[in-house]
């Protein structure tokens, strides 16, 4: 699961994605967030290149989710605790 994956400095991947989403919400205008999110998702497809990687996919989804209601609802459903 993404919650259990440990990354740099002992932070979880989920914490890094949420931090990126929070930064984008406050520092990018609404239309630009969607563009940046889509570009990150496209860059994540080219994970075999040195700078680009799979880390870009969840971050792209999270940033795009700020503006697109369908993504936002999907992420909220995944975060909800399961009984």
C-alpha atoms as a PDB file:
ATOM      1  CA  UNK A   1       0.000   0.000   0.000  1.00  0.00           C
ATOM      2  CA  UNK A   2       1.122   3.539  -0.626  1.00  0.00           C
ATOM      3  CA  UNK A   3       0.779   4.389   3.076  1.00  0.00           C
ATOM      4  CA  UNK A   4       3.370   1.836   4.088  1.00  0.00           C
ATOM      5  CA  UNK A   5       6.020   2.782   1.549  1.00  0.00           C
ATOM      6  CA  UNK A   6       8.916   4.581   3.204  1.00  0.00           C
ATOM      7  CA  UNK A   7      10.749   7.179   1.150  1.00  0.00           C
ATOM      8  CA  UNK A   8      13.462   9.744   1.750  1.00  0.00           C
ATOM      9  CA  UNK A   9      13.945  10.910   5.312  1.00  0.00           C
ATOM     10  CA  UNK A  10      11.491   8.365   6.733  1.00  0.00           C
ATOM     11  CA  UNK A  11       8.463  10.183   5.304  1.00  0.00           C
ATOM     12  CA  UNK A  12       5.747   8.116   3.691  1.00  0.00           C
ATOM     13  CA  UNK A  13       4.835   8.528   0.044  1.00  0.00           C
ATOM     14  CA  UNK A  14       1.362   9.605   1.104  1.00  0.00           C
ATOM     15  CA  UNK A  15       2.772  12.464   3.208  1.00  0.00           C
ATOM     16  CA  UNK A  16       4.848  13.677   0.280  1.00  0.00           C
ATOM     17  CA  UNK A  17       1.871  13.594  -2.101  1.00  0.00           C
ATOM     18  CA  UNK A  18      -0.343  15.464   0.384  1.00  0.00           C
ATOM     19  CA  UNK A  19       2.381  18.080   0.864  1.00  0.00           C
ATOM     20  CA  UNK A  20       2.607  18.581  -2.917  1.00  0.00           C
ATOM     21  CA  UNK A  21      -1.157  18.850  -3.187  1.00  0.00           C
ATOM     22  CA  UNK A  22      -1.289  21.431  -0.396  1.00  0.00           C
ATOM     23  CA  UNK A  23       1.495  23.476  -2.023  1.00  0.00           C
ATOM     24  CA  UNK A  24      -0.288  23.442  -5.395  1.00  0.00           C
ATOM     25  CA  UNK A  25      -3.588  24.492  -3.832  1.00  0.00           C
ATOM     26  CA  UNK A  26      -2.070  27.657  -2.376  1.00  0.00           C
ATOM     27  CA  UNK A  27       0.535  28.576  -4.991  1.00  0.00           C
ATOM     28  CA  UNK A  28      -0.992  27.747  -8.392  1.00  0.00           C
ATOM     29  CA  UNK A  29      -4.081  29.305  -9.995  1.00  0.00           C
ATOM     30  CA  UNK A  30      -7.012  26.921 -10.629  1.00  0.00           C
ATOM     31  CA  UNK A  31      -6.476  26.333 -14.362  1.00  0.00           C
ATOM     32  CA  UNK A  32      -2.741  25.890 -13.965  1.00  0.00           C
ATOM     33  CA  UNK A  33      -3.168  23.159 -11.313  1.00  0.00           C
ATOM     34  CA  UNK A  34      -4.949  20.923 -13.801  1.00  0.00           C
ATOM     35  CA  UNK A  35      -2.280  21.520 -16.451  1.00  0.00           C
ATOM     36  CA  UNK A  36       0.539  20.786 -13.979  1.00  0.00           C
ATOM     37  CA  UNK A  37      -1.261  17.639 -12.783  1.00  0.00           C
ATOM     38  CA  UNK A  38      -1.695  16.316 -16.316  1.00  0.00           C
ATOM     39  CA  UNK A  39       1.940  17.107 -17.180  1.00  0.00           C
ATOM     40  CA  UNK A  40       3.104  15.229 -14.076  1.00  0.00           C
ATOM     41  CA  UNK A  41       0.977  12.220 -15.046  1.00  0.00           C
ATOM     42  CA  UNK A  42       2.416  12.262 -18.579  1.00  0.00           C
ATOM     43  CA  UNK A  43       5.929  12.536 -17.152  1.00  0.00           C
ATOM     44  CA  UNK A  44       5.232   9.559 -14.903  1.00  0.00           C
ATOM     45  CA  UNK A  45       4.637   7.414 -17.968  1.00  0.00           C
ATOM     46  CA  UNK A  46       8.287   7.958 -18.955  1.00  0.00           C
ATOM     47  CA  UNK A  47       9.614   6.416 -15.741  1.00  0.00           C
ATOM     48  CA  UNK A  48      12.567   4.852 -17.540  1.00  0.00           C
ATOM     49  CA  UNK A  49      14.204   8.271 -18.009  1.00  0.00           C
ATOM     50  CA  UNK A  50      16.597   9.454 -15.259  1.00  0.00           C
ATOM     51  CA  UNK A  51      14.709  12.478 -13.889  1.00  0.00           C
ATOM     52  CA  UNK A  52      11.155  11.348 -14.557  1.00  0.00           C
ATOM     53  CA  UNK A  53       9.673   8.558 -12.530  1.00  0.00           C
ATOM     54  CA  UNK A  54       6.663   6.822 -11.094  1.00  0.00           C
ATOM     55  CA  UNK A  55       6.606   9.329  -8.232  1.00  0.00           C
ATOM     56  CA  UNK A  56       5.043  11.769 -10.698  1.00  0.00           C
ATOM     57  CA  UNK A  57       1.845   9.734 -11.189  1.00  0.00           C
ATOM     58  CA  UNK A  58       0.334   9.995  -7.680  1.00  0.00           C
ATOM     59  CA  UNK A  59       1.463  13.595  -7.360  1.00  0.00           C
ATOM     60  CA  UNK A  60      -0.147  14.439 -10.721  1.00  0.00           C
ATOM     61  CA  UNK A  61      -3.410  12.782  -9.684  1.00  0.00           C
ATOM     62  CA  UNK A  62      -3.405  14.618  -6.363  1.00  0.00           C
ATOM     63  CA  UNK A  63      -2.773  18.026  -7.927  1.00  0.00           C
ATOM     64  CA  UNK A  64      -5.387  17.477 -10.648  1.00  0.00           C
ATOM     65  CA  UNK A  65      -7.843  16.295  -7.968  1.00  0.00           C
ATOM     66  CA  UNK A  66      -7.890  19.767  -6.444  1.00  0.00           C
ATOM     67  CA  UNK A  67      -9.747  21.086  -9.519  1.00  0.00           C
ATOM     68  CA  UNK A  68     -11.646  18.049 -10.847  1.00  0.00           C
ATOM     69  CA  UNK A  69     -14.540  16.908  -8.667  1.00  0.00           C
ATOM     70  CA  UNK A  70     -14.401  13.292  -9.890  1.00  0.00           C
ATOM     71  CA  UNK A  71     -10.763  12.909  -8.863  1.00  0.00           C
ATOM     72  CA  UNK A  72     -11.409  14.639  -5.552  1.00  0.00           C
ATOM     73  CA  UNK A  73     -14.276  12.276  -4.699  1.00  0.00           C
ATOM     74  CA  UNK A  74     -12.212   9.236  -5.731  1.00  0.00           C
ATOM     75  CA  UNK A  75      -9.301  10.297  -3.508  1.00  0.00           C
ATOM     76  CA  UNK A  76     -11.648  11.026  -0.598  1.00  0.00           C
ATOM     77  CA  UNK A  77     -13.180   7.552  -0.925  1.00  0.00           C
ATOM     78  CA  UNK A  78      -9.706   5.964  -0.872  1.00  0.00           C
ATOM     79  CA  UNK A  79      -8.730   7.924   2.254  1.00  0.00           C
ATOM     80  CA  UNK A  80     -11.879   6.995   4.165  1.00  0.00           C
ATOM     81  CA  UNK A  81     -11.307   4.331   6.816  1.00  0.00           C
ATOM     82  CA  UNK A  82     -12.777   0.976   5.893  1.00  0.00           C
ATOM     83  CA  UNK A  83     -14.858  -0.895   8.487  1.00  0.00           C
END
